[in-house]
Amino acid sequence: MDEGGFEREYRKRRRPPGAYLLLLGVVLLNALFQAGRPDGGGGFRWGPPVMILLFVVTLTRVLLEQYRAYTRVTSAGITARSPLRTRTWAWSEVYDIRVEPLPRGSGRNGPRWFTYLYDFDGRRFLLPHLDDWQLADPYAEVSELCLTADPQRSLGWEQRPDVEERIRRGALRRRARLWGGYGAVAMMVVMFVVSLALVFADRADHPFLLIVCVPVASGVALSAVLQWYWTTRAAN
């Protein structure tokens, strides 16, 4: 308990979803299999090391999210520790706390509702483990936190049009990036098929250019176009 008599800390209560762990295991086995092939993975010598590196980075992040990250709430403010850094906000710096759903298509195995802190600049920050995977009812939990913190805030929880506009623009940017990522994945599949066709046709093949550079460039371009389109339409 802090001096004000109120403190809550949210940490891992449940392990990650089984499907998530299974996917990581499949990726690892595939990377090890490709690395052990005599030809280094079908001629893509850079592929296995990159896959293993990505797997190690992903696994490290998952472990840090599970065992290092937490959210601590006191009468003085909120502290959120992510896998890499720790941030603290006094209640006077907190504009709002909102429980938001994951985008459609994110799957049903695992948390589907996350809690975010918004500051007065409209920036959004994830509050680790304040989700429906670790808590039975994150909405009720956040509502109770806001009621408890209300006496610490001189402005209450009233919405401000300028901040709401910045939040809306941030949401449009994230939505555009999400769809840009979808487009990059789709283009990667297309380029993989093209690369295989070039190999079978015994023609010059540039796997890094086709499978990495083209999808990334396509995703960035699609994200920029969608952000411009949605922003313009919303303004009208």
C-alpha atoms as a PDB file:
ATOM      1  CA  MET A   1       0.000   0.000   0.000  1.00  0.00           C
ATOM      2  CA  ASP A   2       1.218   3.530  -0.762  1.00  0.00           C
ATOM      3  CA  GLU A   3       0.745   6.610   1.405  1.00  0.00           C
ATOM      4  CA  GLY A   4      -2.743   7.154   0.013  1.00  0.00           C
ATOM      5  CA  GLY A   5      -3.770   3.643   0.988  1.00  0.00           C
ATOM      6  CA  PHE A   6      -4.274   2.397  -2.565  1.00  0.00           C
ATOM      7  CA  GLU A   7      -2.065   0.187  -4.700  1.00  0.00           C
ATOM      8  CA  ARG A   8      -2.686  -2.487  -7.293  1.00  0.00           C
ATOM      9  CA  GLU A   9      -0.210  -4.371  -9.414  1.00  0.00           C
ATOM     10  CA  TYR A  10      -1.031  -6.377 -12.506  1.00  0.00           C
ATOM     11  CA  ARG A  11       1.353  -9.146 -13.518  1.00  0.00           C
ATOM     12  CA  LYS A  12       1.159 -12.430 -15.365  1.00  0.00           C
ATOM     13  CA  ARG A  13      -1.441 -14.721 -13.859  1.00  0.00           C
ATOM     14  CA  ARG A  14      -1.898 -17.104 -16.771  1.00  0.00           C
ATOM     15  CA  ARG A  15       0.691 -18.497 -19.149  1.00  0.00           C
ATOM     16  CA  PRO A  16       0.549 -17.529 -22.862  1.00  0.00           C
ATOM     17  CA  PRO A  17      -2.070 -19.314 -25.023  1.00  0.00           C
ATOM     18  CA  GLY A  18      -1.153 -22.854 -26.043  1.00  0.00           C
ATOM     19  CA  ALA A  19      -1.656 -22.070 -29.729  1.00  0.00           C
ATOM     20  CA  TYR A  20       0.843 -19.220 -29.438  1.00  0.00           C
ATOM     21  CA  LEU A  21       3.464 -21.470 -27.857  1.00  0.00           C
ATOM     22  CA  LEU A  22       2.773 -24.147 -30.473  1.00  0.00           C
ATOM     23  CA  LEU A  23       3.348 -21.654 -33.281  1.00  0.00           C
ATOM     24  CA  LEU A  24       6.680 -20.601 -31.769  1.00  0.00           C
ATOM     25  CA  GLY A  25       7.685 -24.254 -31.520  1.00  0.00           C
ATOM     26  CA  VAL A  26       6.827 -24.919 -35.166  1.00  0.00           C
ATOM     27  CA  VAL A  27       8.839 -21.870 -36.259  1.00  0.00           C
ATOM     28  CA  LEU A  28      11.846 -23.040 -34.220  1.00  0.00           C
ATOM     29  CA  LEU A  29      11.712 -26.580 -35.575  1.00  0.00           C
ATOM     30  CA  ASN A  30      11.447 -25.305 -39.127  1.00  0.00           C
ATOM     31  CA  ALA A  31      14.390 -22.942 -38.614  1.00  0.00           C
ATOM     32  CA  LEU A  32      16.530 -25.728 -37.145  1.00  0.00           C
ATOM     33  CA  PHE A  33      15.533 -28.082 -39.976  1.00  0.00           C
ATOM     34  CA  GLN A  34      16.404 -25.527 -42.635  1.00  0.00           C
ATOM     35  CA  ALA A  35      19.705 -24.692 -40.962  1.00  0.00           C
ATOM     36  CA  GLY A  36      20.641 -28.374 -40.861  1.00  0.00           C
ATOM     37  CA  ARG A  37      20.116 -29.008 -44.568  1.00  0.00           C
ATOM     38  CA  PRO A  38      23.328 -29.459 -46.582  1.00  0.00           C
ATOM     39  CA  ASP A  39      22.346 -26.772 -49.087  1.00  0.00           C
ATOM     40  CA  GLY A  40      21.586 -24.257 -46.308  1.00  0.00           C
ATOM     41  CA  GLY A  41      17.847 -24.313 -46.958  1.00  0.00           C
ATOM     42  CA  GLY A  42      17.120 -24.684 -50.630  1.00  0.00           C
ATOM     43  CA  GLY A  43      19.763 -22.259 -51.782  1.00  0.00           C
ATOM     44  CA  PHE A  44      18.586 -19.436 -49.507  1.00  0.00           C
ATOM     45  CA  ARG A  45      21.718 -19.375 -47.337  1.00  0.00           C
ATOM     46  CA  TRP A  46      20.620 -16.230 -45.537  1.00  0.00           C
ATOM     47  CA  GLY A  47      17.234 -17.719 -44.680  1.00  0.00           C
ATOM     48  CA  PRO A  48      17.962 -20.085 -41.744  1.00  0.00           C
ATOM     49  CA  PRO A  49      20.140 -17.647 -39.751  1.00  0.00           C
ATOM     50  CA  VAL A  50      17.528 -14.920 -40.179  1.00  0.00           C
ATOM     51  CA  MET A  51      14.741 -17.277 -39.104  1.00  0.00           C
ATOM     52  CA  ILE A  52      16.675 -18.385 -36.029  1.00  0.00           C
ATOM     53  CA  LEU A  53      17.480 -14.775 -35.124  1.00  0.00           C
ATOM     54  CA  LEU A  54      13.829 -13.737 -35.495  1.00  0.00           C
ATOM     55  CA  PHE A  55      12.749 -16.671 -33.363  1.00  0.00           C
ATOM     56  CA  VAL A  56      15.242 -15.810 -30.611  1.00  0.00           C
ATOM     57  CA  VAL A  57      14.118 -12.170 -30.633  1.00  0.00           C
ATOM     58  CA  THR A  58      10.444 -13.188 -30.514  1.00  0.00           C
ATOM     59  CA  LEU A  59      10.994 -15.710 -27.715  1.00  0.00           C
ATOM     60  CA  THR A  60      12.996 -13.189 -25.697  1.00  0.00           C
ATOM     61  CA  ARG A  61      10.236 -10.620 -26.074  1.00  0.00           C
ATOM     62  CA  VAL A  62       7.577 -13.134 -25.006  1.00  0.00           C
ATOM     63  CA  LEU A  63       9.558 -14.093 -21.895  1.00  0.00           C
ATOM     64  CA  LEU A  64      10.154 -10.443 -20.968  1.00  0.00           C
ATOM     65  CA  GLU A  65       6.475  -9.616 -21.498  1.00  0.00           C
ATOM     66  CA  GLN A  66       5.457 -12.489 -19.255  1.00  0.00           C
ATOM     67  CA  TYR A  67       7.956 -12.154 -16.419  1.00  0.00           C
ATOM     68  CA  ARG A  68       9.246  -8.555 -16.495  1.00  0.00           C
ATOM     69  CA  ALA A  69       6.314  -6.429 -17.624  1.00  0.00           C
ATOM     70  CA  TYR A  70       3.716  -5.178 -15.171  1.00  0.00           C
ATOM     71  CA  THR A  71       1.318  -2.316 -14.468  1.00  0.00           C
ATOM     72  CA  ARG A  72       1.284  -0.697 -11.034  1.00  0.00           C
ATOM     73  CA  VAL A  73      -1.467   1.722 -10.010  1.00  0.00           C
ATOM     74  CA  THR A  74      -1.287   3.873  -6.879  1.00  0.00           C
ATOM     75  CA  SER A  75      -2.935   7.050  -5.626  1.00  0.00           C
ATOM     76  CA  ALA A  76       0.070   8.931  -7.071  1.00  0.00           C
ATOM     77  CA  GLY A  77      -0.213   7.610 -10.624  1.00  0.00           C
ATOM     78  CA  ILE A  78       0.484   4.707 -12.953  1.00  0.00           C
ATOM     79  CA  THR A  79       3.707   2.862 -13.742  1.00  0.00           C
ATOM     80  CA  ALA A  80       3.889   0.591 -16.784  1.00  0.00           C
ATOM     81  CA  ARG A  81       6.964  -1.560 -17.312  1.00  0.00           C
ATOM     82  CA  SER A  82       7.306  -3.013 -20.800  1.00  0.00           C
ATOM     83  CA  PRO A  83       9.937  -5.553 -21.924  1.00  0.00           C
ATOM     84  CA  LEU A  84      12.419  -2.736 -22.593  1.00  0.00           C
ATOM     85  CA  ARG A  85      11.518   0.330 -20.541  1.00  0.00           C
ATOM     86  CA  THR A  86       9.501   1.717 -17.658  1.00  0.00           C
ATOM     87  CA  ARG A  87       7.171   4.738 -17.797  1.00  0.00           C
ATOM     88  CA  THR A  88       5.414   6.535 -14.960  1.00  0.00           C
ATOM     89  CA  TRP A  89       2.555   9.041 -15.180  1.00  0.00           C
ATOM     90  CA  ALA A  90       1.096  11.150 -12.413  1.00  0.00           C
ATOM     91  CA  TRP A  91      -2.698  11.182 -12.475  1.00  0.00           C
ATOM     92  CA  SER A  92      -2.609  14.791 -13.657  1.00  0.00           C
ATOM     93  CA  GLU A  93      -0.758  13.600 -16.794  1.00  0.00           C
ATOM     94  CA  VAL A  94      -3.325  10.907 -17.645  1.00  0.00           C
ATOM     95  CA  TYR A  95      -6.033  11.970 -20.079  1.00  0.00           C
ATOM     96  CA  ASP A  96      -7.932   8.679 -20.164  1.00  0.00           C
ATOM     97  CA  ILE A  97      -7.688   4.913 -19.692  1.00  0.00           C
ATOM     98  CA  ARG A  98      -9.539   2.839 -22.267  1.00  0.00           C
ATOM     99  CA  VAL A  99     -10.151  -0.854 -22.871  1.00  0.00           C
ATOM    100  CA  GLU A 100      -9.988  -1.494 -26.611  1.00  0.00           C
ATOM    101  CA  PRO A 101     -10.449  -4.605 -28.766  1.00  0.00           C
ATOM    102  CA  LEU A 102      -7.814  -6.115 -30.988  1.00  0.00           C
ATOM    103  CA  PRO A 103      -8.357  -5.610 -34.735  1.00  0.00           C
ATOM    104  CA  ARG A 104     -10.498  -8.199 -36.487  1.00  0.00           C
ATOM    105  CA  GLY A 105      -8.589 -11.213 -37.702  1.00  0.00           C
ATOM    106  CA  SER A 106      -6.256 -11.314 -34.696  1.00  0.00           C
ATOM    107  CA  GLY A 107      -7.562 -14.703 -33.618  1.00  0.00           C
ATOM    108  CA  ARG A 108      -9.467 -15.977 -30.599  1.00  0.00           C
ATOM    109  CA  ASN A 109      -6.632 -17.768 -28.815  1.00  0.00           C
ATOM    110  CA  GLY A 110      -5.371 -15.254 -26.308  1.00  0.00           C
ATOM    111  CA  PRO A 111      -6.346 -11.776 -25.128  1.00  0.00           C
ATOM    112  CA  ARG A 112      -8.801  -9.864 -27.271  1.00  0.00           C
ATOM    113  CA  TRP A 113      -9.157  -6.737 -25.129  1.00  0.00           C
ATOM    114  CA  PHE A 114      -6.217  -4.572 -24.045  1.00  0.00           C
ATOM    115  CA  THR A 115      -6.046  -1.499 -21.834  1.00  0.00           C
ATOM    116  CA  TYR A 116      -4.310   1.673 -23.007  1.00  0.00           C
ATOM    117  CA  LEU A 117      -3.373   4.904 -21.284  1.00  0.00           C
ATOM    118  CA  TYR A 118      -3.768   8.131 -23.270  1.00  0.00           C
ATOM    119  CA  ASP A 119      -1.891  11.301 -22.362  1.00  0.00           C
ATOM    120  CA  PHE A 120      -2.950  14.856 -23.197  1.00  0.00           C
ATOM    121  CA  ASP A 121      -0.945  14.759 -26.458  1.00  0.00           C
ATOM    122  CA  GLY A 122      -3.175  11.932 -27.686  1.00  0.00           C
ATOM    123  CA  ARG A 123      -0.415   9.324 -27.437  1.00  0.00           C
ATOM    124  CA  ARG A 124      -1.385   5.765 -26.551  1.00  0.00           C
ATOM    125  CA  PHE A 125       0.544   3.448 -24.221  1.00  0.00           C
ATOM    126  CA  LEU A 126      -0.200  -0.189 -23.457  1.00  0.00           C
ATOM    127  CA  LEU A 127      -0.758  -1.120 -19.812  1.00  0.00           C
ATOM    128  CA  PRO A 128       0.678  -4.663 -19.554  1.00  0.00           C
ATOM    129  CA  HIS A 129      -1.480  -7.493 -18.187  1.00  0.00           C
ATOM    130  CA  LEU A 130      -4.585  -5.321 -17.868  1.00  0.00           C
ATOM    131  CA  ASP A 131      -6.427  -7.472 -20.403  1.00  0.00           C
ATOM    132  CA  ASP A 132      -9.112 -10.134 -20.605  1.00  0.00           C
ATOM    133  CA  TRP A 133      -6.525 -12.928 -20.541  1.00  0.00           C
ATOM    134  CA  GLN A 134      -5.280 -11.989 -17.069  1.00  0.00           C
ATOM    135  CA  LEU A 135      -8.484 -10.441 -15.704  1.00  0.00           C
ATOM    136  CA  ALA A 136     -12.063 -11.662 -15.767  1.00  0.00           C
ATOM    137  CA  ASP A 137     -13.497  -8.198 -16.477  1.00  0.00           C
ATOM    138  CA  PRO A 138     -10.970  -5.523 -17.529  1.00  0.00           C
ATOM    139  CA  TYR A 139     -13.811  -3.003 -18.083  1.00  0.00           C
ATOM    140  CA  ALA A 140     -14.921  -3.228 -14.451  1.00  0.00           C
ATOM    141  CA  GLU A 141     -11.314  -3.096 -13.268  1.00  0.00           C
ATOM    142  CA  VAL A 142     -10.543   0.061 -15.251  1.00  0.00           C
ATOM    143  CA  SER A 143     -13.802   1.714 -14.166  1.00  0.00           C
ATOM    144  CA  GLU A 144     -12.911   1.103 -10.544  1.00  0.00           C
ATOM    145  CA  LEU A 145      -9.402   2.491 -11.067  1.00  0.00           C
ATOM    146  CA  CYS A 146     -10.788   5.639 -12.660  1.00  0.00           C
ATOM    147  CA  LEU A 147     -13.254   6.167  -9.813  1.00  0.00           C
ATOM    148  CA  THR A 148     -10.484   5.691  -7.261  1.00  0.00           C
ATOM    149  CA  ALA A 149      -8.210   8.144  -9.071  1.00  0.00           C
ATOM    150  CA  ASP A 150     -10.896  10.785  -9.639  1.00  0.00           C
ATOM    151  CA  PRO A 151     -10.089  12.766  -6.460  1.00  0.00           C
ATOM    152  CA  GLN A 152      -6.458  13.025  -7.627  1.00  0.00           C
ATOM    153  CA  ARG A 153      -7.480  14.760 -10.866  1.00  0.00           C
ATOM    154  CA  SER A 154      -8.452  18.416 -10.901  1.00  0.00           C
ATOM    155  CA  LEU A 155     -10.120  18.124 -14.343  1.00  0.00           C
ATOM    156  CA  GLY A 156     -11.941  14.841 -13.799  1.00  0.00           C
ATOM    157  CA  TRP A 157     -12.341  12.634 -16.877  1.00  0.00           C
ATOM    158  CA  GLU A 158     -14.032  15.085 -19.231  1.00  0.00           C
ATOM    159  CA  GLN A 159     -13.209  14.672 -22.914  1.00  0.00           C
ATOM    160  CA  ARG A 160     -11.433  17.463 -24.754  1.00  0.00           C
ATOM    161  CA  PRO A 161     -12.077  17.933 -28.498  1.00  0.00           C
ATOM    162  CA  ASP A 162      -8.431  18.722 -29.334  1.00  0.00           C
ATOM    163  CA  VAL A 163      -7.145  15.606 -27.589  1.00  0.00           C
ATOM    164  CA  GLU A 164      -9.901  13.449 -29.106  1.00  0.00           C
ATOM    165  CA  GLU A 165      -8.877  14.681 -32.562  1.00  0.00           C
ATOM    166  CA  ARG A 166      -5.254  13.671 -31.951  1.00  0.00           C
ATOM    167  CA  ILE A 167      -6.411  10.282 -30.700  1.00  0.00           C
ATOM    168  CA  ARG A 168      -8.548   9.821 -33.822  1.00  0.00           C
ATOM    169  CA  ARG A 169      -5.618  10.639 -36.098  1.00  0.00           C
ATOM    170  CA  GLY A 170      -3.418   8.207 -34.209  1.00  0.00           C
ATOM    171  CA  ALA A 171      -6.052   5.491 -34.638  1.00  0.00           C
ATOM    172  CA  LEU A 172      -6.128   6.150 -38.392  1.00  0.00           C
ATOM    173  CA  ARG A 173      -2.334   5.827 -38.580  1.00  0.00           C
ATOM    174  CA  ARG A 174      -2.395   2.513 -36.726  1.00  0.00           C
ATOM    175  CA  ARG A 175      -5.216   1.226 -38.924  1.00  0.00           C
ATOM    176  CA  ALA A 176      -3.311   2.191 -42.073  1.00  0.00           C
ATOM    177  CA  ARG A 177      -0.159   0.475 -40.797  1.00  0.00           C
ATOM    178  CA  LEU A 178      -2.131  -2.648 -39.945  1.00  0.00           C
ATOM    179  CA  TRP A 179      -3.572  -2.894 -43.444  1.00  0.00           C
ATOM    180  CA  GLY A 180      -0.153  -2.081 -44.874  1.00  0.00           C
ATOM    181  CA  GLY A 181       1.154  -5.084 -42.951  1.00  0.00           C
ATOM    182  CA  TYR A 182      -1.617  -7.262 -44.364  1.00  0.00           C
ATOM    183  CA  GLY A 183      -0.718  -6.067 -47.846  1.00  0.00           C
ATOM    184  CA  ALA A 184       2.963  -6.813 -47.260  1.00  0.00           C
ATOM    185  CA  VAL A 185       2.168 -10.371 -46.172  1.00  0.00           C
ATOM    186  CA  ALA A 186      -0.053 -10.918 -49.205  1.00  0.00           C
ATOM    187  CA  MET A 187       2.641  -9.552 -51.504  1.00  0.00           C
ATOM    188  CA  MET A 188       5.225 -11.791 -49.827  1.00  0.00           C
ATOM    189  CA  VAL A 189       3.131 -14.849 -50.706  1.00  0.00           C
ATOM    190  CA  VAL A 190       2.804 -13.661 -54.292  1.00  0.00           C
ATOM    191  CA  MET A 191       6.538 -12.987 -54.588  1.00  0.00           C
ATOM    192  CA  PHE A 192       7.337 -16.390 -53.096  1.00  0.00           C
ATOM    193  CA  VAL A 193       5.281 -18.034 -55.829  1.00  0.00           C
ATOM    194  CA  VAL A 194       6.989 -15.859 -58.456  1.00  0.00           C
ATOM    195  CA  SER A 195      10.398 -16.796 -57.062  1.00  0.00           C
ATOM    196  CA  LEU A 196       9.579 -20.503 -57.244  1.00  0.00           C
ATOM    197  CA  ALA A 197       8.329 -20.087 -60.809  1.00  0.00           C
ATOM    198  CA  LEU A 198      11.607 -18.410 -61.786  1.00  0.00           C
ATOM    199  CA  VAL A 199      13.583 -21.245 -60.221  1.00  0.00           C
ATOM    200  CA  PHE A 200      11.612 -23.896 -62.107  1.00  0.00           C
ATOM    201  CA  ALA A 201      11.961 -21.885 -65.321  1.00  0.00           C
ATOM    202  CA  ASP A 202      15.734 -21.766 -64.746  1.00  0.00           C
ATOM    203  CA  ARG A 203      15.736 -17.991 -64.961  1.00  0.00           C
ATOM    204  CA  ALA A 204      17.570 -15.408 -62.859  1.00  0.00           C
ATOM    205  CA  ASP A 205      16.194 -15.365 -59.336  1.00  0.00           C
ATOM    206  CA  HIS A 206      16.634 -12.631 -56.704  1.00  0.00           C
ATOM    207  CA  PRO A 207      14.922 -14.013 -53.575  1.00  0.00           C
ATOM    208  CA  PHE A 208      15.909 -11.197 -51.217  1.00  0.00           C
ATOM    209  CA  LEU A 209      14.625  -8.552 -53.602  1.00  0.00           C
ATOM    210  CA  LEU A 210      11.415 -10.418 -54.389  1.00  0.00           C
ATOM    211  CA  ILE A 211      10.526 -11.875 -50.981  1.00  0.00           C
ATOM    212  CA  VAL A 212      11.748  -9.051 -48.725  1.00  0.00           C
ATOM    213  CA  CYS A 213      12.209  -5.752 -50.545  1.00  0.00           C
ATOM    214  CA  VAL A 214       9.107  -5.807 -52.746  1.00  0.00           C
ATOM    215  CA  PRO A 215       6.662  -6.734 -49.924  1.00  0.00           C
ATOM    216  CA  VAL A 216       8.142  -4.139 -47.555  1.00  0.00           C
ATOM    217  CA  ALA A 217       7.954  -1.405 -50.186  1.00  0.00           C
ATOM    218  CA  SER A 218       4.402  -2.433 -51.088  1.00  0.00           C
ATOM    219  CA  GLY A 219       3.310  -2.410 -47.445  1.00  0.00           C
ATOM    220  CA  VAL A 220       4.771   1.043 -46.819  1.00  0.00           C
ATOM    221  CA  ALA A 221       3.150   2.440 -49.976  1.00  0.00           C
ATOM    222  CA  LEU A 222      -0.238   0.901 -49.147  1.00  0.00           C
ATOM    223  CA  SER A 223      -0.078   2.239 -45.593  1.00  0.00           C
ATOM    224  CA  ALA A 224       0.696   5.765 -46.809  1.00  0.00           C
ATOM    225  CA  VAL A 225      -2.108   5.716 -49.393  1.00  0.00           C
ATOM    226  CA  LEU A 226      -4.692   4.388 -46.927  1.00  0.00           C
ATOM    227  CA  GLN A 227      -3.718   6.917 -44.277  1.00  0.00           C
ATOM    228  CA  TRP A 228      -4.060   9.749 -46.757  1.00  0.00           C
ATOM    229  CA  TYR A 229      -7.411   8.441 -48.022  1.00  0.00           C
ATOM    230  CA  TRP A 230      -8.974   7.833 -44.601  1.00  0.00           C
ATOM    231  CA  THR A 231      -7.694  11.135 -43.226  1.00  0.00           C
ATOM    232  CA  THR A 232      -9.074  13.047 -46.215  1.00  0.00           C
ATOM    233  CA  ARG A 233     -12.433  11.274 -46.046  1.00  0.00           C
ATOM    234  CA  ALA A 234     -12.739  11.899 -42.303  1.00  0.00           C
ATOM    235  CA  ALA A 235     -11.952  15.591 -42.797  1.00  0.00           C
ATOM    236  CA  ASN A 236     -14.798  15.860 -45.307  1.00  0.00           C
END
